[in-house]
Amino acid sequence: IISLWAVFASFVACALAGVVSGIAFIFVINPFTGIAVI
């Protein structure tokens, strides 16, 4: 059960990090990579 909740927490953390880093990728590195990460 603790492992399942850890997977849930990692999904939430990766979702937030993916959207934020995707926005940064759009403006800094490559727009297509940023859209894929978002």
All heavy atoms as atom14 arrays in JSON, in Angstrom:
{
  "sequence": "IISLWAVFASFVACALAGVVSGIAFIFVINPFTGIAVI",
  "atom14_mask": [
    [1, 1, 1, 1, 1, 1, 1, 1, 0, 0, 0, 0, 0, 0],
    [1, 1, 1, 1, 1, 1, 1, 1, 0, 0, 0, 0, 0, 0],
    [1, 1, 1, 1, 1, 1, 0, 0, 0, 0, 0, 0, 0, 0],
    [1, 1, 1, 1, 1, 1, 1, 1, 0, 0, 0, 0, 0, 0],
    [1, 1, 1, 1, 1, 1, 1, 1, 1, 1, 1, 1, 1, 1],
    [1, 1, 1, 1, 1, 0, 0, 0, 0, 0, 0, 0, 0, 0],
    [1, 1, 1, 1, 1, 1, 1, 0, 0, 0, 0, 0, 0, 0],
    [1, 1, 1, 1, 1, 1, 1, 1, 1, 1, 1, 0, 0, 0],
    [1, 1, 1, 1, 1, 0, 0, 0, 0, 0, 0, 0, 0, 0],
    [1, 1, 1, 1, 1, 1, 0, 0, 0, 0, 0, 0, 0, 0],
    [1, 1, 1, 1, 1, 1, 1, 1, 1, 1, 1, 0, 0, 0],
    [1, 1, 1, 1, 1, 1, 1, 0, 0, 0, 0, 0, 0, 0],
    [1, 1, 1, 1, 1, 0, 0, 0, 0, 0, 0, 0, 0, 0],
    [1, 1, 1, 1, 1, 1, 0, 0, 0, 0, 0, 0, 0, 0],
    [1, 1, 1, 1, 1, 0, 0, 0, 0, 0, 0, 0, 0, 0],
    [1, 1, 1, 1, 1, 1, 1, 1, 0, 0, 0, 0, 0, 0],
    [1, 1, 1, 1, 1, 0, 0, 0, 0, 0, 0, 0, 0, 0],
    [1, 1, 1, 1, 0, 0, 0, 0, 0, 0, 0, 0, 0, 0],
    [1, 1, 1, 1, 1, 1, 1, 0, 0, 0, 0, 0, 0, 0],
    [1, 1, 1, 1, 1, 1, 1, 0, 0, 0, 0, 0, 0, 0],
    [1, 1, 1, 1, 1, 1, 0, 0, 0, 0, 0, 0, 0, 0],
    [1, 1, 1, 1, 0, 0, 0, 0, 0, 0, 0, 0, 0, 0],
    [1, 1, 1, 1, 1, 1, 1, 1, 0, 0, 0, 0, 0, 0],
    [1, 1, 1, 1, 1, 0, 0, 0, 0, 0, 0, 0, 0, 0],
    [1, 1, 1, 1, 1, 1, 1, 1, 1, 1, 1, 0, 0, 0],
    [1, 1, 1, 1, 1, 1, 1, 1, 0, 0, 0, 0, 0, 0],
    [1, 1, 1, 1, 1, 1, 1, 1, 1, 1, 1, 0, 0, 0],
    [1, 1, 1, 1, 1, 1, 1, 0, 0, 0, 0, 0, 0, 0],
    [1, 1, 1, 1, 1, 1, 1, 1, 0, 0, 0, 0, 0, 0],
    [1, 1, 1, 1, 1, 1, 1, 1, 0, 0, 0, 0, 0, 0],
    [1, 1, 1, 1, 1, 1, 1, 0, 0, 0, 0, 0, 0, 0],
    [1, 1, 1, 1, 1, 1, 1, 1, 1, 1, 1, 0, 0, 0],
    [1, 1, 1, 1, 1, 1, 1, 0, 0, 0, 0, 0, 0, 0],
    [1, 1, 1, 1, 0, 0, 0, 0, 0, 0, 0, 0, 0, 0],
    [1, 1, 1, 1, 1, 1, 1, 1, 0, 0, 0, 0, 0, 0],
    [1, 1, 1, 1, 1, 0, 0, 0, 0, 0, 0, 0, 0, 0],
    [1, 1, 1, 1, 1, 1, 1, 0, 0, 0, 0, 0, 0, 0],
    [1, 1, 1, 1, 1, 1, 1, 1, 0, 0, 0, 0, 0, 0]
  ],
  "atom14_positions": [
    [[0.84, -1.21, 0.0], [0.0, 0.0, 0.0], [0.87, 1.26, 0.0], [0.6, 2.22, -0.72], [-0.96, -0.01, 1.2], [-1.89, -1.21, 1.13], [-1.74, 1.28, 1.3], [-2.78, -1.25, -0.09], [0.0, 0.0, 0.0], [0.0, 0.0, 0.0], [0.0, 0.0, 0.0], [0.0, 0.0, 0.0], [0.0, 0.0, 0.0], [0.0, 0.0, 0.0]],
    [[1.94, 1.25, 0.78], [2.85, 2.39, 0.81], [3.51, 2.58, -0.56], [3.67, 3.71, -1.03], [3.89, 2.21, 1.93], [3.22, 2.35, 3.3], [5.03, 3.22, 1.8], [4.09, 1.96, 4.45], [0.0, 0.0, 0.0], [0.0, 0.0, 0.0], [0.0, 0.0, 0.0], [0.0, 0.0, 0.0], [0.0, 0.0, 0.0], [0.0, 0.0, 0.0]],
    [[3.84, 1.49, -1.22], [4.44, 1.58, -2.55], [3.45, 2.17, -3.56], [3.84, 2.95, -4.43], [4.89, 0.2, -3.03], [5.86, -0.33, -2.18], [0.0, 0.0, 0.0], [0.0, 0.0, 0.0], [0.0, 0.0, 0.0], [0.0, 0.0, 0.0], [0.0, 0.0, 0.0], [0.0, 0.0, 0.0], [0.0, 0.0, 0.0], [0.0, 0.0, 0.0]],
    [[2.18, 1.78, -3.46], [1.17, 2.36, -4.35], [1.04, 3.86, -4.15], [0.94, 4.63, -5.11], [-0.17, 1.67, -4.13], [-0.31, 0.25, -4.65], [-1.65, -0.34, -4.21], [-0.18, 0.22, -6.15], [0.0, 0.0, 0.0], [0.0, 0.0, 0.0], [0.0, 0.0, 0.0], [0.0, 0.0, 0.0], [0.0, 0.0, 0.0], [0.0, 0.0, 0.0]],
    [[1.04, 4.29, -2.9], [0.96, 5.74, -2.63], [2.22, 6.46, -3.1], [2.16, 7.63, -3.52], [0.69, 6.01, -1.16], [-0.75, 5.8, -0.81], [-1.29, 4.75, -0.14], [-1.86, 6.66, -1.14], [-2.65, 4.9, -0.03], [-3.03, 6.06, -0.63], [-1.97, 7.87, -1.82], [-4.29, 6.64, -0.78], [-3.22, 8.45, -1.95], [-4.36, 7.84, -1.44]],
    [[3.37, 5.79, -3.05], [4.6, 6.4, -3.56], [4.54, 6.57, -5.08], [5.02, 7.58, -5.61], [5.81, 5.54, -3.17], [0.0, 0.0, 0.0], [0.0, 0.0, 0.0], [0.0, 0.0, 0.0], [0.0, 0.0, 0.0], [0.0, 0.0, 0.0], [0.0, 0.0, 0.0], [0.0, 0.0, 0.0], [0.0, 0.0, 0.0], [0.0, 0.0, 0.0]],
    [[3.94, 5.61, -5.76], [3.76, 5.74, -7.21], [2.83, 6.91, -7.52], [3.08, 7.7, -8.44], [3.22, 4.43, -7.82], [2.74, 4.62, -9.24], [4.28, 3.35, -7.75], [0.0, 0.0, 0.0], [0.0, 0.0, 0.0], [0.0, 0.0, 0.0], [0.0, 0.0, 0.0], [0.0, 0.0, 0.0], [0.0, 0.0, 0.0], [0.0, 0.0, 0.0]],
    [[1.76, 7.06, -6.75], [0.86, 8.2, -6.93], [1.61, 9.52, -6.73], [1.46, 10.45, -7.53], [-0.32, 8.11, -5.96], [-1.09, 9.38, -5.83], [-1.88, 9.84, -6.86], [-1.0, 10.14, -4.67], [-2.58, 11.03, -6.75], [-1.69, 11.32, -4.54], [-2.49, 11.77, -5.59], [0.0, 0.0, 0.0], [0.0, 0.0, 0.0], [0.0, 0.0, 0.0]],
    [[2.41, 9.6, -5.69], [3.16, 10.83, -5.42], [4.16, 11.12, -6.54], [4.34, 12.28, -6.93], [3.89, 10.73, -4.08], [0.0, 0.0, 0.0], [0.0, 0.0, 0.0], [0.0, 0.0, 0.0], [0.0, 0.0, 0.0], [0.0, 0.0, 0.0], [0.0, 0.0, 0.0], [0.0, 0.0, 0.0], [0.0, 0.0, 0.0], [0.0, 0.0, 0.0]],
    [[4.77, 10.09, -7.09], [5.72, 10.31, -8.19], [4.99, 10.74, -9.45], [5.51, 11.55, -10.23], [6.55, 9.06, -8.45], [5.75, 8.02, -8.96], [0.0, 0.0, 0.0], [0.0, 0.0, 0.0], [0.0, 0.0, 0.0], [0.0, 0.0, 0.0], [0.0, 0.0, 0.0], [0.0, 0.0, 0.0], [0.0, 0.0, 0.0], [0.0, 0.0, 0.0]],
    [[3.78, 10.23, -9.7], [2.99, 10.7, -10.84], [2.69, 12.19, -10.71], [2.82, 12.94, -11.68], [1.67, 9.93, -10.94], [1.77, 8.6, -11.64], [0.65, 7.8, -11.75], [2.95, 8.14, -12.18], [0.71, 6.58, -12.38], [3.03, 6.92, -12.81], [1.9, 6.13, -12.91], [0.0, 0.0, 0.0], [0.0, 0.0, 0.0], [0.0, 0.0, 0.0]],
    [[2.29, 12.61, -9.52], [1.97, 14.02, -9.31], [3.22, 14.89, -9.48], [3.18, 15.93, -10.15], [1.33, 14.23, -7.92], [1.21, 15.7, -7.59], [-0.02, 13.55, -7.86], [0.0, 0.0, 0.0], [0.0, 0.0, 0.0], [0.0, 0.0, 0.0], [0.0, 0.0, 0.0], [0.0, 0.0, 0.0], [0.0, 0.0, 0.0], [0.0, 0.0, 0.0]],
    [[4.33, 14.46, -8.9], [5.57, 15.25, -9.0], [6.05, 15.33, -10.44], [6.46, 16.4, -10.91], [6.65, 14.64, -8.11], [0.0, 0.0, 0.0], [0.0, 0.0, 0.0], [0.0, 0.0, 0.0], [0.0, 0.0, 0.0], [0.0, 0.0, 0.0], [0.0, 0.0, 0.0], [0.0, 0.0, 0.0], [0.0, 0.0, 0.0], [0.0, 0.0, 0.0]],
    [[5.99, 14.22, -11.15], [6.44, 14.23, -12.56], [5.49, 15.03, -13.44], [5.93, 15.64, -14.43], [6.57, 12.8, -13.08], [7.97, 11.92, -12.38], [0.0, 0.0, 0.0], [0.0, 0.0, 0.0], [0.0, 0.0, 0.0], [0.0, 0.0, 0.0], [0.0, 0.0, 0.0], [0.0, 0.0, 0.0], [0.0, 0.0, 0.0], [0.0, 0.0, 0.0]],
    [[4.21, 15.04, -13.11], [3.26, 15.85, -13.88], [3.58, 17.33, -13.72], [3.63, 18.08, -14.72], [1.83, 15.55, -13.44], [0.0, 0.0, 0.0], [0.0, 0.0, 0.0], [0.0, 0.0, 0.0], [0.0, 0.0, 0.0], [0.0, 0.0, 0.0], [0.0, 0.0, 0.0], [0.0, 0.0, 0.0], [0.0, 0.0, 0.0], [0.0, 0.0, 0.0]],
    [[3.79, 17.76, -12.49], [4.12, 19.17, -12.26], [5.46, 19.54, -12.91], [5.57, 20.58, -13.57], [4.15, 19.46, -10.77], [2.81, 19.38, -10.04], [3.01, 19.55, -8.55], [1.86, 20.41, -10.58], [0.0, 0.0, 0.0], [0.0, 0.0, 0.0], [0.0, 0.0, 0.0], [0.0, 0.0, 0.0], [0.0, 0.0, 0.0], [0.0, 0.0, 0.0]],
    [[6.45, 18.69, -12.72], [7.76, 18.98, -13.3], [7.72, 18.94, -14.82], [8.41, 19.73, -15.49], [8.79, 17.97, -12.78], [0.0, 0.0, 0.0], [0.0, 0.0, 0.0], [0.0, 0.0, 0.0], [0.0, 0.0, 0.0], [0.0, 0.0, 0.0], [0.0, 0.0, 0.0], [0.0, 0.0, 0.0], [0.0, 0.0, 0.0], [0.0, 0.0, 0.0]],
    [[6.93, 18.04, -15.38], [6.83, 17.95, -16.83], [6.22, 19.19, -17.45], [6.7, 19.69, -18.48], [0.0, 0.0, 0.0], [0.0, 0.0, 0.0], [0.0, 0.0, 0.0], [0.0, 0.0, 0.0], [0.0, 0.0, 0.0], [0.0, 0.0, 0.0], [0.0, 0.0, 0.0], [0.0, 0.0, 0.0], [0.0, 0.0, 0.0], [0.0, 0.0, 0.0]],
    [[5.16, 19.7, -16.85], [4.52, 20.9, -17.39], [5.44, 22.11, -17.25], [5.62, 22.89, -18.19], [3.16, 21.13, -16.71], [2.58, 22.48, -17.09], [2.19, 20.01, -17.08], [0.0, 0.0, 0.0], [0.0, 0.0, 0.0], [0.0, 0.0, 0.0], [0.0, 0.0, 0.0], [0.0, 0.0, 0.0], [0.0, 0.0, 0.0], [0.0, 0.0, 0.0]],
    [[6.06, 22.26, -16.09], [6.94, 23.41, -15.87], [8.17, 23.35, -16.77], [8.54, 24.34, -17.42], [7.35, 23.5, -14.38], [8.44, 24.53, -14.17], [6.14, 23.82, -13.52], [0.0, 0.0, 0.0], [0.0, 0.0, 0.0], [0.0, 0.0, 0.0], [0.0, 0.0, 0.0], [0.0, 0.0, 0.0], [0.0, 0.0, 0.0], [0.0, 0.0, 0.0]],
    [[8.81, 22.18, -16.86], [10.0, 22.09, -17.71], [9.63, 22.14, -19.19], [10.42, 22.61, -20.0], [10.77, 20.81, -17.4], [9.99, 19.67, -17.72], [0.0, 0.0, 0.0], [0.0, 0.0, 0.0], [0.0, 0.0, 0.0], [0.0, 0.0, 0.0], [0.0, 0.0, 0.0], [0.0, 0.0, 0.0], [0.0, 0.0, 0.0], [0.0, 0.0, 0.0]],
    [[8.43, 21.67, -19.54], [7.98, 21.79, -20.93], [7.83, 23.23, -21.36], [8.18, 23.6, -22.49], [0.0, 0.0, 0.0], [0.0, 0.0, 0.0], [0.0, 0.0, 0.0], [0.0, 0.0, 0.0], [0.0, 0.0, 0.0], [0.0, 0.0, 0.0], [0.0, 0.0, 0.0], [0.0, 0.0, 0.0], [0.0, 0.0, 0.0], [0.0, 0.0, 0.0]],
    [[7.31, 24.06, -20.47], [7.19, 25.49, -20.77], [8.58, 26.1, -20.94], [8.81, 26.91, -21.85], [6.37, 26.2, -19.67], [4.91, 25.73, -19.73], [6.45, 27.71, -19.82], [4.07, 26.18, -18.56], [0.0, 0.0, 0.0], [0.0, 0.0, 0.0], [0.0, 0.0, 0.0], [0.0, 0.0, 0.0], [0.0, 0.0, 0.0], [0.0, 0.0, 0.0]],
    [[9.51, 25.69, -20.09], [10.87, 26.21, -20.22], [11.52, 25.72, -21.52], [12.24, 26.48, -22.19], [11.71, 25.78, -19.02], [0.0, 0.0, 0.0], [0.0, 0.0, 0.0], [0.0, 0.0, 0.0], [0.0, 0.0, 0.0], [0.0, 0.0, 0.0], [0.0, 0.0, 0.0], [0.0, 0.0, 0.0], [0.0, 0.0, 0.0], [0.0, 0.0, 0.0]],
    [[11.27, 24.48, -21.9], [11.84, 23.95, -23.15], [11.3, 24.68, -24.37], [12.03, 24.86, -25.35], [11.52, 22.46, -23.29], [12.42, 21.55, -22.51], [12.2, 20.19, -22.52], [13.47, 22.04, -21.74], [13.0, 19.33, -21.8], [14.28, 21.2, -21.02], [14.05, 19.84, -21.05], [0.0, 0.0, 0.0], [0.0, 0.0, 0.0], [0.0, 0.0, 0.0]],
    [[10.05, 25.09, -24.32], [9.47, 25.8, -25.47], [10.24, 27.08, -25.74], [10.54, 27.4, -26.9], [7.98, 26.1, -25.23], [7.17, 24.81, -25.36], [7.45, 27.13, -26.2], [5.7, 24.97, -25.05], [0.0, 0.0, 0.0], [0.0, 0.0, 0.0], [0.0, 0.0, 0.0], [0.0, 0.0, 0.0], [0.0, 0.0, 0.0], [0.0, 0.0, 0.0]],
    [[10.59, 27.81, -24.71], [11.24, 29.1, -24.9], [12.75, 29.01, -25.0], [13.38, 29.89, -25.58], [10.85, 30.06, -23.77], [9.39, 30.4, -23.77], [8.56, 29.99, -22.74], [8.83, 31.1, -24.83], [7.23, 30.29, -22.75], [7.49, 31.41, -24.84], [6.68, 31.0, -23.81], [0.0, 0.0, 0.0], [0.0, 0.0, 0.0], [0.0, 0.0, 0.0]],
    [[13.37, 27.99, -24.44], [14.82, 27.94, -24.36], [15.42, 26.96, -25.37], [16.32, 27.34, -26.14], [15.28, 27.58, -22.93], [16.78, 27.46, -22.85], [14.78, 28.62, -21.94], [0.0, 0.0, 0.0], [0.0, 0.0, 0.0], [0.0, 0.0, 0.0], [0.0, 0.0, 0.0], [0.0, 0.0, 0.0], [0.0, 0.0, 0.0], [0.0, 0.0, 0.0]],
    [[14.98, 25.73, -25.41], [15.66, 24.7, -26.18], [14.98, 24.47, -27.53], [15.51, 24.85, -28.57], [15.75, 23.39, -25.36], [16.57, 23.64, -24.1], [16.38, 22.28, -26.19], [16.61, 22.47, -23.16], [0.0, 0.0, 0.0], [0.0, 0.0, 0.0], [0.0, 0.0, 0.0], [0.0, 0.0, 0.0], [0.0, 0.0, 0.0], [0.0, 0.0, 0.0]],
    [[13.84, 23.8, -27.51], [13.18, 23.41, -28.75], [11.68, 23.38, -28.5], [11.23, 22.69, -27.6], [13.69, 22.02, -29.18], [13.17, 21.6, -30.54], [12.41, 22.31, -31.17], [13.58, 20.42, -30.96], [0.0, 0.0, 0.0], [0.0, 0.0, 0.0], [0.0, 0.0, 0.0], [0.0, 0.0, 0.0], [0.0, 0.0, 0.0], [0.0, 0.0, 0.0]],
    [[10.9, 24.08, -29.32], [9.45, 24.1, -29.07], [8.79, 22.72, -29.19], [7.88, 22.41, -28.44], [8.9, 25.04, -30.15], [10.05, 25.81, -30.65], [11.27, 25.01, -30.39], [0.0, 0.0, 0.0], [0.0, 0.0, 0.0], [0.0, 0.0, 0.0], [0.0, 0.0, 0.0], [0.0, 0.0, 0.0], [0.0, 0.0, 0.0], [0.0, 0.0, 0.0]],
    [[9.27, 21.88, -30.12], [8.65, 20.57, -30.29], [8.93, 19.66, -29.08], [8.06, 18.91, -28.64], [9.16, 19.91, -31.57], [8.77, 20.69, -32.8], [9.74, 21.21, -33.62], [7.44, 20.9, -33.11], [9.39, 21.93, -34.75], [7.08, 21.61, -34.23], [8.06, 22.14, -35.06], [0.0, 0.0, 0.0], [0.0, 0.0, 0.0], [0.0, 0.0, 0.0]],
    [[10.12, 19.75, -28.56], [10.45, 18.99, -27.35], [9.61, 19.5, -26.17], [9.11, 18.69, -25.36], [11.94, 19.12, -27.02], [12.7, 18.7, -28.14], [12.31, 18.29, -25.81], [0.0, 0.0, 0.0], [0.0, 0.0, 0.0], [0.0, 0.0, 0.0], [0.0, 0.0, 0.0], [0.0, 0.0, 0.0], [0.0, 0.0, 0.0], [0.0, 0.0, 0.0]],
    [[9.44, 20.78, -26.07], [8.64, 21.35, -25.0], [7.19, 20.91, -25.06], [6.59, 20.57, -24.04], [0.0, 0.0, 0.0], [0.0, 0.0, 0.0], [0.0, 0.0, 0.0], [0.0, 0.0, 0.0], [0.0, 0.0, 0.0], [0.0, 0.0, 0.0], [0.0, 0.0, 0.0], [0.0, 0.0, 0.0], [0.0, 0.0, 0.0], [0.0, 0.0, 0.0]],
    [[6.63, 20.87, -26.26], [5.24, 20.43, -26.41], [5.11, 18.95, -26.03], [4.15, 18.54, -25.38], [4.75, 20.69, -27.84], [4.62, 22.21, -28.05], [3.42, 20.01, -28.11], [4.34, 22.61, -29.48], [0.0, 0.0, 0.0], [0.0, 0.0, 0.0], [0.0, 0.0, 0.0], [0.0, 0.0, 0.0], [0.0, 0.0, 0.0], [0.0, 0.0, 0.0]],
    [[6.1, 18.15, -26.42], [6.07, 16.72, -26.07], [6.17, 16.53, -24.55], [5.47, 15.68, -23.98], [7.21, 15.99, -26.77], [0.0, 0.0, 0.0], [0.0, 0.0, 0.0], [0.0, 0.0, 0.0], [0.0, 0.0, 0.0], [0.0, 0.0, 0.0], [0.0, 0.0, 0.0], [0.0, 0.0, 0.0], [0.0, 0.0, 0.0], [0.0, 0.0, 0.0]],
    [[7.0, 17.31, -23.9], [7.15, 17.18, -22.44], [5.89, 17.66, -21.73], [5.46, 17.06, -20.73], [8.41, 17.94, -21.96], [8.48, 18.0, -20.45], [9.66, 17.29, -22.52], [0.0, 0.0, 0.0], [0.0, 0.0, 0.0], [0.0, 0.0, 0.0], [0.0, 0.0, 0.0], [0.0, 0.0, 0.0], [0.0, 0.0, 0.0], [0.0, 0.0, 0.0]],
    [[5.26, 18.71, -22.23], [3.99, 19.17, -21.66], [2.93, 18.09, -21.83], [2.14, 17.82, -20.91], [3.55, 20.51, -22.29], [4.46, 21.62, -21.81], [2.1, 20.81, -21.93], [4.19, 22.96, -22.48], [0.0, 0.0, 0.0], [0.0, 0.0, 0.0], [0.0, 0.0, 0.0], [0.0, 0.0, 0.0], [0.0, 0.0, 0.0], [0.0, 0.0, 0.0]]
  ]
}
